[in-house]
Protein backbone atom coordinates (compact mmCIF):
# COMPACT_ATOMS: atom_id res chain seq x y z
CA MET A 1 -24.85 16.42 51.96
CA LEU A 2 -23.33 12.93 52.94
CA ASP A 3 -25.53 12.17 56.12
CA GLU A 4 -28.82 12.84 53.87
CA LEU A 5 -27.35 10.88 50.92
CA ILE A 6 -26.84 7.93 53.49
CA LYS A 7 -30.32 8.41 54.55
CA SER A 8 -31.98 8.31 51.11
CA ILE A 9 -30.45 4.90 50.34
CA PRO A 10 -33.04 2.45 49.86
CA GLU A 11 -33.74 0.92 53.31
CA ASN A 12 -33.95 -2.83 51.25
CA LEU A 13 -30.21 -2.53 50.62
CA LYS A 14 -29.44 -0.72 53.99
CA ASN A 15 -30.91 -3.81 55.75
CA THR A 16 -29.28 -6.56 53.64
CA PRO A 17 -25.53 -5.45 53.02
CA PRO A 18 -23.32 -5.47 51.39
CA PHE A 19 -24.69 -4.42 47.97
CA SER A 20 -23.15 -3.30 44.51
CA TYR A 21 -22.62 0.31 44.17
CA ALA A 22 -21.56 2.62 41.05
CA GLU A 23 -20.62 6.19 41.05
CA PRO A 24 -20.34 7.33 37.37
CA PHE A 25 -19.63 11.04 38.09
CA VAL A 26 -17.14 10.13 41.06
CA GLY A 27 -15.48 13.40 41.82
CA GLY A 28 -13.99 13.15 45.38
CA GLY A 29 -16.15 9.88 46.17
CA ALA A 30 -17.36 11.02 49.42
CA LEU A 31 -20.37 8.57 49.53
CA MET A 32 -18.48 5.95 48.14
CA PHE A 33 -15.85 5.83 50.81
CA LYS A 34 -18.32 6.19 53.92
CA LEU A 35 -20.54 3.26 52.40
CA PHE A 36 -17.04 1.24 52.37
CA GLU A 37 -16.83 2.58 56.10
CA LEU A 38 -19.95 1.74 57.04
CA ASN A 39 -19.31 -1.78 55.53
CA LEU A 40 -22.61 -1.25 53.26
CA ILE A 41 -20.86 -2.08 50.19
CA ASP A 42 -17.78 -4.71 49.43
CA LYS A 43 -17.18 -3.61 45.92
CA ALA A 44 -17.89 -0.46 43.66
CA VAL A 45 -17.26 0.78 39.74
CA ILE A 46 -16.37 4.43 39.79
CA CYS A 47 -16.14 6.62 36.58
CA ASP A 48 -15.11 10.25 35.74
CA TYR A 49 -14.66 12.43 32.44
CA ASN A 50 -11.84 14.33 33.97
CA SER A 51 -8.54 11.73 33.12
CA GLU A 52 -6.31 13.78 35.59
CA LEU A 53 -8.69 12.72 38.44
CA VAL A 54 -9.12 8.94 37.45
CA LEU A 55 -5.35 8.71 37.21
CA VAL A 56 -4.89 9.85 40.76
CA TYR A 57 -7.14 7.63 41.63
CA LYS A 58 -5.57 4.53 39.57
CA CYS A 59 -2.24 5.87 40.93
CA ILE A 60 -3.31 5.66 44.76
CA LYS A 61 -4.65 2.02 43.90
CA HIS A 62 -1.67 0.77 41.92
CA GLN A 63 1.53 2.84 42.95
CA CYS A 64 0.83 4.05 46.12
CA GLU A 65 4.17 4.19 48.05
CA GLU A 66 5.87 5.73 44.69
CA LEU A 67 2.86 8.47 45.09
CA ILE A 68 4.01 8.83 48.89
CA ILE A 69 7.56 9.51 48.20
CA GLU A 70 6.92 12.44 45.49
CA LEU A 71 4.20 13.93 47.79
CA ASN A 72 6.96 13.90 50.66
CA VAL A 73 9.10 15.49 48.46
CA LEU A 74 7.00 18.26 47.67
CA GLN A 75 5.93 18.65 51.26
CA ASP A 76 9.29 19.14 52.57
CA LYS A 77 10.00 21.98 49.84
CA TYR A 78 6.89 23.52 50.80
CA ASN A 79 7.27 23.67 54.51
CA SER A 80 10.36 24.80 54.08
CA LEU A 81 9.56 27.94 52.48
CA ASP A 82 8.03 31.35 53.77
CA LYS A 83 4.52 32.16 52.30
CA GLU A 84 5.57 34.27 49.34
CA GLU A 85 7.74 31.35 48.29
CA ARG A 86 5.21 29.05 48.70
CA ARG A 87 3.05 31.10 46.56
CA GLN A 88 5.61 30.95 43.59
CA MET A 89 5.94 27.17 44.08
CA TYR A 90 2.17 27.14 43.50
CA PHE A 91 2.67 28.94 40.10
CA GLU A 92 5.76 26.57 39.25
CA ILE A 93 3.79 23.67 39.75
CA ARG A 94 0.74 24.64 38.16
CA SER A 95 2.85 25.54 35.06
CA ARG A 96 4.60 22.11 35.05
CA PHE A 97 1.31 20.33 35.35
CA ASN A 98 -0.14 22.46 32.33
CA GLU A 99 3.04 21.90 30.15
CA SER A 100 3.78 18.29 30.86
CA ASN A 101 0.06 17.40 29.83
CA GLU A 102 1.04 17.14 26.08
CA GLY A 103 1.33 13.75 25.10
CA PHE A 104 0.88 12.05 28.75
CA VAL A 105 -0.18 8.59 28.58
CA HIS A 106 -3.29 8.52 31.08
CA GLU A 107 -4.35 5.14 30.34
CA SER A 108 -1.65 2.39 31.38
CA PRO A 109 0.44 2.66 34.60
CA ASN A 110 3.82 3.74 33.80
CA SER A 111 6.74 5.28 36.00
CA LYS A 112 5.46 8.81 35.31
CA TRP A 113 2.37 8.56 36.99
CA PRO A 114 3.19 8.91 40.66
CA LYS A 115 4.95 12.39 39.82
CA ARG A 116 1.83 13.74 37.75
CA ALA A 117 -0.52 12.43 40.42
CA SER A 118 1.52 14.09 43.25
CA LEU A 119 1.32 17.60 41.25
CA PHE A 120 -2.46 17.09 40.88
CA ILE A 121 -2.88 16.35 44.74
CA PHE A 122 -0.63 19.17 45.66
CA LEU A 123 -2.70 21.50 43.57
CA ASN A 124 -5.94 20.47 45.05
CA LYS A 125 -4.44 21.02 48.51
CA THR A 126 -2.98 24.46 48.17
CA GLY A 127 -5.26 25.79 45.35
CA PHE A 128 -8.43 28.06 45.85
CA ASN A 129 -10.85 26.08 48.10
CA GLY A 130 -9.67 22.71 46.35
CA LEU A 131 -11.20 23.72 43.55
CA TYR A 132 -10.64 22.00 40.02
CA ARG A 133 -11.08 24.38 36.83
CA VAL A 134 -9.76 24.35 33.47
CA ASN A 135 -9.74 27.07 30.75
CA ARG A 136 -11.01 26.40 27.02
CA LYS A 137 -7.46 25.32 26.32
CA GLY A 138 -8.03 22.58 29.00
CA LYS A 139 -5.24 24.15 31.01
CA PHE A 140 -5.85 24.13 34.95
CA ASN A 141 -6.15 27.81 35.91
CA VAL A 142 -7.23 27.87 39.54
CA PRO A 143 -5.60 30.66 42.01
CA PRO A 144 -3.60 29.90 44.94
CA SER A 145 -4.81 29.53 48.47
CA ASN A 146 -3.34 31.60 51.22
CA MET A 147 -0.61 29.31 51.07
CA GLY A 148 -0.78 28.47 54.92
CA ASN A 149 0.64 25.08 56.20
CA LYS A 150 -0.99 22.32 54.63
CA ASP A 151 -0.46 18.74 55.07
CA PHE A 152 -1.19 17.14 51.34
CA SER A 153 1.12 14.08 51.91
CA GLN A 154 -0.99 12.27 54.14
CA SER A 155 0.87 9.00 53.73
CA GLU A 156 -1.61 6.63 56.20
CA ASN A 157 -4.77 8.08 54.73
CA LEU A 158 -3.35 7.43 51.43
CA ARG A 159 -2.61 3.94 52.19
CA ASP A 160 -6.07 3.27 53.57
CA VAL A 161 -7.62 4.78 50.43
CA SER A 162 -5.67 2.26 48.54
CA ARG A 163 -6.81 -0.58 50.36
CA VAL A 164 -10.41 0.31 49.62
CA LEU A 165 -9.52 0.95 45.69
CA SER A 166 -8.32 -2.84 45.74
CA ARG A 167 -11.99 -3.68 45.76
CA VAL A 168 -13.12 -0.56 43.09
CA THR A 169 -13.29 -1.02 39.16
CA ILE A 170 -12.26 2.44 37.85
CA LEU A 171 -13.13 3.61 34.63
CA GLN A 172 -12.16 7.13 32.78
CA GLY A 173 -14.61 8.71 30.30
CA ASP A 174 -18.33 9.61 29.95
CA TYR A 175 -20.85 8.31 32.53
CA GLN A 176 -22.29 6.10 29.79
CA THR A 177 -19.11 3.99 30.19
CA CYS A 178 -20.04 2.31 33.10
CA LEU A 179 -23.28 0.92 31.32
CA GLU A 180 -22.56 -2.60 31.63
CA HIS A 181 -21.83 -2.63 35.04
CA LEU A 182 -25.29 -0.96 35.77
CA THR A 183 -27.53 -3.90 36.01
CA GLU A 184 -30.49 -4.74 37.96
CA GLY A 185 -29.74 -4.45 41.75
CA VAL A 186 -27.18 -2.36 41.65
CA PHE A 187 -27.50 1.23 43.39
CA VAL A 188 -26.20 4.20 41.32
CA TYR A 189 -25.44 7.55 42.44
CA PHE A 190 -25.43 10.42 39.83
CA ASP A 191 -23.44 13.60 41.16
CA PRO A 192 -23.57 15.27 37.71
CA PRO A 193 -22.43 18.83 36.89
CA TYR A 194 -25.36 20.73 38.05
CA ARG A 195 -27.83 22.54 35.65
CA PRO A 196 -26.75 26.23 35.95
CA LEU A 197 -29.26 28.30 37.67
CA LYS A 198 -27.79 31.33 36.13
CA LYS A 199 -25.51 32.54 33.20
CA THR A 200 -22.42 33.07 35.77
CA SER A 201 -23.21 29.40 37.31
CA PHE A 202 -19.90 27.19 37.35
CA THR A 203 -19.94 24.21 34.95
CA THR A 204 -16.49 23.90 33.32
CA TYR A 205 -14.82 21.01 35.25
CA SER A 206 -12.99 19.91 32.33
CA SER A 207 -13.22 20.75 28.57
CA HIS A 208 -16.72 18.95 28.32
CA SER A 209 -19.32 21.58 28.98
CA TRP A 210 -22.63 21.10 30.61
CA SER A 211 -23.61 24.53 30.08
CA ASP A 212 -26.96 24.02 28.34
CA ASP A 213 -29.89 21.67 29.01
CA SER A 214 -29.00 19.14 26.34
CA GLN A 215 -26.42 17.35 28.74
CA GLN A 216 -29.12 17.12 31.36
CA ILE A 217 -31.85 15.85 29.27
CA ARG A 218 -29.34 13.02 28.14
CA LEU A 219 -28.74 12.02 31.42
CA ALA A 220 -32.27 11.90 32.04
CA ASP A 221 -32.53 9.66 29.17
CA PHE A 222 -30.02 7.25 30.63
CA CYS A 223 -31.74 7.47 33.83
CA HIS A 224 -34.95 6.48 32.17
CA SER A 225 -33.40 3.30 30.56
CA LEU A 226 -31.64 2.08 33.79
CA ASN A 227 -34.81 2.71 35.41
CA ARG A 228 -36.41 0.12 32.94
CA LYS A 229 -34.11 -2.25 34.16
CA GLY A 230 -34.88 -2.02 37.49
CA VAL A 231 -31.47 -0.08 38.73
CA ASN A 232 -31.75 1.59 41.85
CA ILE A 233 -31.02 5.34 41.36
CA MET A 234 -30.14 8.36 43.18
CA GLN A 235 -29.28 11.77 41.85
CA SER A 236 -28.37 15.15 43.37
CA ASN A 237 -28.91 18.33 41.09
CA SER A 238 -29.77 21.83 41.47
CA ASP A 239 -33.26 23.14 42.48
CA PRO A 240 -34.10 25.91 39.59
CA THR A 241 -37.20 26.70 41.50
CA SER A 242 -35.03 28.30 44.24
CA ILE A 243 -34.58 31.14 41.29
CA ASP A 244 -37.90 30.87 39.44
CA LYS A 245 -40.83 28.85 40.86
CA ASP A 246 -42.02 27.91 37.86
CA ASP A 247 -39.08 26.27 36.38
CA ASN A 248 -40.13 22.68 36.59
CA PHE A 249 -37.11 21.27 34.57
CA PHE A 250 -36.83 18.41 36.72
CA GLN A 251 -40.21 17.69 37.41
CA ASN A 252 -40.97 17.45 33.88
CA HIS A 253 -37.93 15.16 33.07
CA TYR A 254 -38.45 12.75 36.31
CA SER A 255 -42.04 12.19 36.31
CA VAL A 256 -43.91 10.83 39.22
CA ARG A 257 -46.04 8.68 37.08
CA ASP A 258 -42.49 6.99 36.04
CA GLY A 259 -41.88 6.26 39.47
CA TYR A 260 -39.32 8.88 40.26
CA SER A 261 -39.79 10.94 43.74
CA ILE A 262 -37.92 14.61 43.95
CA ARG A 263 -37.54 16.24 47.25
CA LYS A 264 -35.61 19.47 48.43
CA VAL A 265 -32.73 19.11 50.46
CA ILE A 266 -30.19 21.57 52.27
CA ALA A 267 -26.52 21.29 51.33
CA ILE A 268 -23.58 23.49 52.24
CA ARG A 269 -21.47 25.06 49.66
CA ALA A 270 -18.20 26.43 50.29
CA ILE A 271 -17.21 27.85 46.59
CA ASN A 272 -18.59 30.49 45.13
CA SER A 273 -17.30 33.82 43.51
CA SER A 274 -19.26 35.67 45.91
CA GLY A 275 -19.31 34.94 49.70
CA GLU A 276 -22.90 35.61 49.92
CA GLY A 277 -23.44 32.59 47.58
CA ARG A 278 -21.79 30.01 50.08
CA GLY A 279 -23.39 28.42 53.11
CA GLY A 280 -26.86 26.61 53.03
CA VAL A 281 -28.69 26.38 49.57
CA ASN A 282 -31.68 24.16 48.38
CA GLU A 283 -30.64 21.41 46.00
CA LEU A 284 -32.58 18.14 44.87
CA LEU A 285 -32.44 14.57 45.32
CA ILE A 286 -33.98 12.37 42.70
CA THR A 287 -34.61 8.70 42.88
CA ASN A 288 -36.73 5.99 41.36
CA TYR A 289 -37.89 4.34 44.57
């Protein structure tokens, strides 16, 4: 959806860069990095509930060279193994990642950060479709990929990312943690866990569940408060009408009379338990401009 998101940014902001940007559910940060690449922004605020992901961002920002050393060690070992041995390595790393979480200090930079961040990146690059998923106990439980050749050290890419992150404020916690940074004139992109379209829809990116409508309604209320402050908002979410044409959840919570616009876009999805569920799907872009 990246091209569609870029096109959907308010024209007045694109015509007068740089503008301030915030992404309270940062995930992979694709839009933020593209905006930096296009010189549309010169600073940003990002946040995510996932403390492991935030640790990786902070480690790349503050301890990039140490992280590269740890990744190269893993890369060298991985490259020396056959496919079955790589699979065994994956399970060993996954167990180590889960076991070492007990009592780990995520908040302040320390000498253990690069090793833990390297395990996260290894699992992201060698796990099934790059998925991050935990069980009810908060343990990472994604199965391995086919364990073919992978490049997860990517030293120069990490250095480029580190340079970008030097201009980024990185926060961890609920999306409302960003509130003091979300002032008039800031452009905010929300990419929350999507409203599930069916009971089997995946919503557990962390131990913080979005399986019912209460979290979506809470987010809508938060967006309304920003809307009243003059903050530019764009949100991606699922399209309930693709399953039930009478399910107007988002139209009811983001009404035209309050200044919102909702339109359908096509997104390509690579992760689904069924191959038939991958590919182009309808999604919604909600904006207040």
